[in-house]
């Protein structure tokens, strides 16, 4: 079951508060992604947030500036899995995590003990997961053709924060 529809500005406020980022950044990123067709665009009542749209927004917010949000979201979302278990692409992995975090599907992930690491300067994503039985895994996503050189800038999103965001926007 999804939450009742809310005003678009309330979605912006919720995302900004939970992720601890400025509201204008969220608003500009969402607007750019709506313009580019990556997020549904209706006003003033926003469409229901889905795991797929929230996954896109999270990846878009990793961009260094809002004008690069769509480019960042698509390049990160299409990265294939190169290590660990999990979905075949970052977009599917994040969508699955959000579905579990929001309570749409049952799962075993302990959201208190994991992180999503997103490479900003070069597209690479790592997901550190611990299950309730104590086992842990690291899922790695990147292109195989790029060389691993130099320093990278990362965005770290604790899975607990992702869970809070999913519950606020999607969960019961």
Protein backbone atom coordinates (compact mmCIF):
# COMPACT_ATOMS: atom_id res chain seq x y z
CA UNK A 1 0.00 0.00 0.00
CA UNK A 2 1.31 3.46 -0.85
CA UNK A 3 0.93 6.70 1.04
CA UNK A 4 -1.73 9.21 0.07
CA UNK A 5 -0.65 11.65 -2.59
CA UNK A 6 1.03 14.74 -1.26
CA UNK A 7 1.99 18.09 -2.71
CA UNK A 8 5.20 18.16 -4.73
CA UNK A 9 6.71 20.67 -2.31
CA UNK A 10 6.13 18.25 0.56
CA UNK A 11 8.05 15.54 -1.29
CA UNK A 12 10.91 18.00 -1.78
CA UNK A 13 10.88 18.90 1.92
CA UNK A 14 10.84 15.25 3.02
CA UNK A 15 13.75 14.31 0.75
CA UNK A 16 15.76 17.35 1.84
CA UNK A 17 15.11 16.70 5.54
CA UNK A 18 15.88 12.97 5.47
CA UNK A 19 19.00 13.30 3.31
CA UNK A 20 20.13 16.48 5.08
CA UNK A 21 20.63 18.40 1.82
CA UNK A 22 19.33 21.85 0.82
CA UNK A 23 15.76 22.00 -0.49
CA UNK A 24 16.78 24.02 -3.58
CA UNK A 25 19.16 21.21 -4.57
CA UNK A 26 16.35 18.66 -4.34
CA UNK A 27 13.89 20.93 -6.16
CA UNK A 28 16.31 21.71 -9.00
CA UNK A 29 17.34 18.07 -9.35
CA UNK A 30 13.73 16.88 -9.43
CA UNK A 31 12.79 19.57 -11.95
CA UNK A 32 15.67 18.64 -14.23
CA UNK A 33 14.83 14.95 -14.05
CA UNK A 34 11.14 15.67 -14.72
CA UNK A 35 12.06 17.81 -17.71
CA UNK A 36 14.25 14.99 -19.03
CA UNK A 37 11.48 12.42 -18.51
CA UNK A 38 13.24 10.49 -15.74
CA UNK A 39 10.63 11.35 -13.07
CA UNK A 40 6.85 11.72 -13.48
CA UNK A 41 5.84 15.38 -13.81
CA UNK A 42 2.52 16.54 -12.36
CA UNK A 43 1.75 19.55 -10.21
CA UNK A 44 0.65 20.56 -7.64
CA UNK A 45 -0.32 17.04 -6.59
CA UNK A 46 2.61 14.71 -7.07
CA UNK A 47 2.16 11.20 -8.41
CA UNK A 48 2.71 8.31 -6.02
CA UNK A 49 6.37 7.67 -5.40
CA UNK A 50 7.45 4.24 -6.63
CA UNK A 51 10.63 2.34 -5.79
CA UNK A 52 11.86 2.95 -9.35
CA UNK A 53 11.27 6.72 -9.22
CA UNK A 54 12.85 7.01 -5.77
CA UNK A 55 15.87 5.01 -6.97
CA UNK A 56 16.26 7.39 -9.90
CA UNK A 57 16.01 10.42 -7.63
CA UNK A 58 18.60 9.07 -5.18
CA UNK A 59 21.04 8.43 -8.03
CA UNK A 60 20.28 11.84 -9.55
CA UNK A 61 21.02 13.56 -6.25
CA UNK A 62 24.53 12.08 -6.37
CA UNK A 63 25.35 14.40 -9.29
CA UNK A 64 27.80 17.23 -8.57
CA UNK A 65 25.25 19.78 -9.85
CA UNK A 66 21.52 19.51 -10.67
CA UNK A 67 22.07 20.02 -14.41
CA UNK A 68 24.03 16.74 -14.50
CA UNK A 69 21.45 14.75 -12.50
CA UNK A 70 19.91 12.90 -15.45
CA UNK A 71 23.30 12.06 -16.93
CA UNK A 72 24.55 10.84 -13.54
CA UNK A 73 21.40 8.82 -12.85
CA UNK A 74 21.48 7.01 -16.19
CA UNK A 75 25.22 6.30 -16.14
CA UNK A 76 25.09 4.97 -12.58
CA UNK A 77 21.80 3.11 -13.03
CA UNK A 78 23.12 1.15 -16.00
CA UNK A 79 26.28 -0.09 -14.28
CA UNK A 80 26.49 -3.90 -14.33
CA UNK A 81 27.23 -6.05 -11.29
CA UNK A 82 30.83 -7.27 -11.20
CA UNK A 83 30.99 -8.69 -7.67
CA UNK A 84 28.75 -10.21 -5.03
CA UNK A 85 25.17 -11.34 -5.33
CA UNK A 86 22.31 -9.00 -6.16
CA UNK A 87 20.56 -7.48 -9.13
CA UNK A 88 22.16 -7.19 -12.55
CA UNK A 89 22.27 -3.36 -12.58
CA UNK A 90 22.47 -0.58 -10.01
CA UNK A 91 18.98 0.66 -10.91
CA UNK A 92 17.44 -2.75 -10.19
CA UNK A 93 19.53 -3.19 -7.02
CA UNK A 94 18.44 0.15 -5.62
CA UNK A 95 14.82 -0.49 -6.59
CA UNK A 96 14.94 -3.85 -4.77
CA UNK A 97 16.50 -2.26 -1.67
CA UNK A 98 13.85 0.47 -1.61
CA UNK A 99 11.03 -2.07 -2.05
CA UNK A 100 12.33 -4.01 0.94
CA UNK A 101 12.98 -0.87 2.98
CA UNK A 102 9.43 0.39 2.38
CA UNK A 103 7.93 -2.96 3.37
CA UNK A 104 6.57 -3.73 -0.10
CA UNK A 105 8.46 -7.04 -0.12
CA UNK A 106 9.78 -9.10 2.77
CA UNK A 107 13.50 -9.46 3.18
CA UNK A 108 16.41 -10.21 5.44
CA UNK A 109 18.46 -7.01 5.22
CA UNK A 110 19.38 -5.28 8.47
CA UNK A 111 19.16 -1.66 7.31
CA UNK A 112 20.97 -0.46 10.44
CA UNK A 113 24.24 -2.05 9.26
CA UNK A 114 24.75 -1.22 5.60
CA UNK A 115 25.88 1.50 3.23
CA UNK A 116 25.43 2.55 -0.35
CA UNK A 117 28.67 4.00 -1.77
CA UNK A 118 28.38 5.90 -5.04
CA UNK A 119 31.43 7.02 -6.99
CA UNK A 120 30.78 10.53 -8.22
CA UNK A 121 33.92 11.32 -10.20
CA UNK A 122 33.91 7.92 -11.95
CA UNK A 123 30.82 5.72 -12.11
CA UNK A 124 31.13 2.95 -9.56
CA UNK A 125 28.68 1.74 -6.90
CA UNK A 126 29.16 -0.51 -3.89
CA UNK A 127 26.47 -1.83 -1.60
CA UNK A 128 27.48 -3.18 1.80
CA UNK A 129 24.74 -5.40 3.24
CA UNK A 130 24.34 -7.32 6.47
CA UNK A 131 21.42 -9.67 7.00
CA UNK A 132 19.64 -10.39 10.26
CA UNK A 133 21.49 -13.70 10.61
CA UNK A 134 24.79 -11.77 10.68
CA UNK A 135 26.13 -12.65 7.25
CA UNK A 136 27.44 -9.77 5.19
CA UNK A 137 28.15 -9.18 1.54
CA UNK A 138 29.48 -6.46 -0.69
CA UNK A 139 27.89 -5.94 -4.09
CA UNK A 140 30.07 -4.13 -6.60
CA UNK A 141 28.91 -2.38 -9.78
CA UNK A 142 31.14 -0.78 -12.42
CA UNK A 143 32.05 -1.02 -16.06
CA UNK A 144 34.75 -3.51 -16.92
CA UNK A 145 36.24 -1.37 -19.66
CA UNK A 146 37.33 1.54 -17.46
CA UNK A 147 40.66 1.55 -15.69
CA UNK A 148 40.72 1.88 -11.93
CA UNK A 149 43.11 4.78 -11.44
CA UNK A 150 43.35 7.84 -9.28
CA UNK A 151 41.28 9.18 -6.46
CA UNK A 152 37.49 9.06 -6.47
CA UNK A 153 34.91 11.16 -4.72
CA UNK A 154 32.12 9.16 -3.14
CA UNK A 155 28.65 9.79 -1.78
CA UNK A 156 27.87 7.57 1.20
CA UNK A 157 24.24 6.85 1.99
CA UNK A 158 23.63 4.66 5.02
CA UNK A 159 20.96 2.07 4.27
CA UNK A 160 19.11 3.26 7.38
CA UNK A 161 18.72 6.68 5.75
CA UNK A 162 17.50 5.04 2.55
CA UNK A 163 15.00 3.10 4.65
CA UNK A 164 13.75 6.28 6.35
CA UNK A 165 13.30 7.93 2.97
CA UNK A 166 11.43 4.91 1.57
CA UNK A 167 9.15 4.73 4.60
CA UNK A 168 8.35 8.45 4.46
CA UNK A 169 7.54 8.51 0.76
CA UNK A 170 6.28 4.99 -0.01
CA UNK A 171 5.68 2.86 3.11
CA UNK A 172 2.48 2.46 5.10
